[in-house]
């Protein structure tokens, strides 16, 4: 299931570049930020797949990092089919981070939840009771 906030972000598409927003200020950035911050973690695997399609060309004043961290909360991240556009620096970063995680021997997030263990990828501030 994909939440309405994720669907709205998908409809909005990738954010404009920082340079574009500086030249032409718009309420787009505020709306985008509100939607991103309103999504309760963790996202579903399906939502993570949708969200990987909306990275912009740059960090968009920190929203790129917010989006990246949100995607990484999905229980079975990473979905290899979502990491094929290595032309985008954010997709490349997600791919690199997922590879380092697997290379370190860590299982998917669902393993920790199913075993009743704390997920080492989450800090205390971002944990959520299910």
Protein backbone atom coordinates (compact mmCIF):
# COMPACT_ATOMS: atom_id res chain seq x y z
CA UNK A 1 0.00 0.00 0.00
CA UNK A 2 1.27 3.44 -0.90
CA UNK A 3 0.24 6.33 1.32
CA UNK A 4 -1.30 9.49 -0.07
CA UNK A 5 1.76 11.59 0.85
CA UNK A 6 4.00 9.32 -1.23
CA UNK A 7 1.55 9.41 -4.14
CA UNK A 8 1.50 13.21 -3.96
CA UNK A 9 5.31 13.36 -4.03
CA UNK A 10 5.26 11.06 -7.03
CA UNK A 11 2.78 13.36 -8.78
CA UNK A 12 4.98 16.37 -8.00
CA UNK A 13 8.01 14.60 -9.45
CA UNK A 14 11.64 15.45 -8.73
CA UNK A 15 12.24 18.81 -7.09
CA UNK A 16 13.86 21.63 -9.03
CA UNK A 17 17.56 22.26 -8.52
CA UNK A 18 18.74 24.54 -5.75
CA UNK A 19 19.89 27.01 -8.38
CA UNK A 20 16.44 27.07 -9.97
CA UNK A 21 14.75 27.61 -6.61
CA UNK A 22 17.12 30.47 -5.78
CA UNK A 23 16.37 32.17 -9.11
CA UNK A 24 12.63 31.47 -8.97
CA UNK A 25 11.44 30.99 -5.37
CA UNK A 26 8.34 28.86 -5.18
CA UNK A 27 6.02 27.34 -2.56
CA UNK A 28 6.95 23.99 -4.13
CA UNK A 29 9.88 23.52 -1.75
CA UNK A 30 7.77 24.08 1.36
CA UNK A 31 5.06 21.68 0.13
CA UNK A 32 7.67 19.06 -0.76
CA UNK A 33 9.30 19.37 2.66
CA UNK A 34 5.95 19.13 4.46
CA UNK A 35 5.04 15.98 2.57
CA UNK A 36 8.41 14.32 3.19
CA UNK A 37 8.35 15.12 6.90
CA UNK A 38 4.75 13.95 7.29
CA UNK A 39 5.53 10.39 6.19
CA UNK A 40 5.71 8.17 9.23
CA UNK A 41 8.65 5.77 9.29
CA UNK A 42 9.18 3.09 8.22
CA UNK A 43 8.02 3.27 4.64
CA UNK A 44 6.88 0.12 2.89
CA UNK A 45 9.03 -1.55 0.25
CA UNK A 46 6.52 -0.41 -2.36
CA UNK A 47 6.76 3.19 -1.12
CA UNK A 48 10.56 3.02 -1.16
CA UNK A 49 10.42 1.98 -4.82
CA UNK A 50 8.18 4.96 -5.62
CA UNK A 51 10.38 7.36 -3.66
CA UNK A 52 13.56 6.33 -5.49
CA UNK A 53 12.00 7.82 -8.61
CA UNK A 54 11.76 11.34 -7.27
CA UNK A 55 15.36 12.30 -6.54
CA UNK A 56 16.32 15.59 -8.10
CA UNK A 57 19.61 16.65 -9.64
CA UNK A 58 21.04 17.95 -6.37
CA UNK A 59 20.37 17.94 -2.63
CA UNK A 60 17.58 20.50 -2.82
CA UNK A 61 18.59 22.21 0.42
CA UNK A 62 18.77 18.96 2.39
CA UNK A 63 15.63 17.30 1.06
CA UNK A 64 17.72 14.76 -0.86
CA UNK A 65 19.14 13.47 2.42
CA UNK A 66 15.70 13.40 4.00
CA UNK A 67 14.42 11.34 1.09
CA UNK A 68 17.42 8.98 1.16
CA UNK A 69 17.01 8.31 4.87
CA UNK A 70 13.28 7.76 4.46
CA UNK A 71 13.84 5.20 1.69
CA UNK A 72 16.35 3.34 3.84
CA UNK A 73 13.68 2.68 6.50
CA UNK A 74 11.88 0.16 4.23
CA UNK A 75 11.94 -3.33 5.75
CA UNK A 76 13.59 -5.11 2.83
CA UNK A 77 15.64 -2.33 1.39
CA UNK A 78 17.36 -2.43 -1.07
CA UNK A 79 15.44 -3.16 -4.21
CA UNK A 80 18.04 -3.65 -6.91
CA UNK A 81 15.62 -2.75 -9.70
CA UNK A 82 15.30 0.73 -8.18
CA UNK A 83 19.03 1.33 -8.18
CA UNK A 84 19.70 1.05 -11.89
CA UNK A 85 19.81 4.79 -12.70
CA UNK A 86 23.38 5.33 -11.58
CA UNK A 87 23.47 8.62 -13.47
CA UNK A 88 21.66 10.14 -10.49
CA UNK A 89 24.07 10.79 -7.62
CA UNK A 90 21.40 9.96 -5.03
CA UNK A 91 20.63 6.57 -6.57
CA UNK A 92 24.36 5.85 -6.72
CA UNK A 93 24.66 6.80 -3.06
CA UNK A 94 21.74 4.51 -2.11
CA UNK A 95 23.35 1.70 -4.07
CA UNK A 96 26.76 2.24 -2.44
CA UNK A 97 25.23 2.38 1.04
CA UNK A 98 23.18 -0.79 0.45
CA UNK A 99 26.25 -2.63 -0.84
CA UNK A 100 28.33 -1.60 2.18
CA UNK A 101 25.50 -2.74 4.48
CA UNK A 102 25.33 -6.17 2.82
CA UNK A 103 29.13 -6.46 2.68
CA UNK A 104 29.23 -5.85 6.42
CA UNK A 105 26.99 -8.91 6.84
CA UNK A 106 23.83 -7.20 8.02
CA UNK A 107 20.51 -8.79 7.04
CA UNK A 108 17.39 -6.98 5.88
CA UNK A 109 15.52 -4.83 8.38
CA UNK A 110 12.66 -7.39 8.59
CA UNK A 111 15.07 -9.88 10.18
CA UNK A 112 15.48 -7.65 13.24
CA UNK A 113 11.77 -7.00 13.61
CA UNK A 114 10.84 -10.68 13.24
CA UNK A 115 13.50 -11.66 15.78
CA UNK A 116 12.39 -8.99 18.23
CA UNK A 117 15.80 -7.30 18.05
CA UNK A 118 16.58 -3.60 17.74
CA UNK A 119 17.54 -2.56 14.24
CA UNK A 120 21.06 -1.10 14.32
CA UNK A 121 20.16 1.23 11.43
CA UNK A 122 17.62 3.09 13.52
CA UNK A 123 18.52 5.49 16.26
CA UNK A 124 16.33 5.97 19.31
CA UNK A 125 14.73 9.11 17.87
CA UNK A 126 13.44 7.39 14.76
CA UNK A 127 12.13 4.16 16.28
CA UNK A 128 8.46 3.47 16.01
CA UNK A 129 6.31 0.98 17.88
CA UNK A 130 4.28 -1.27 15.61
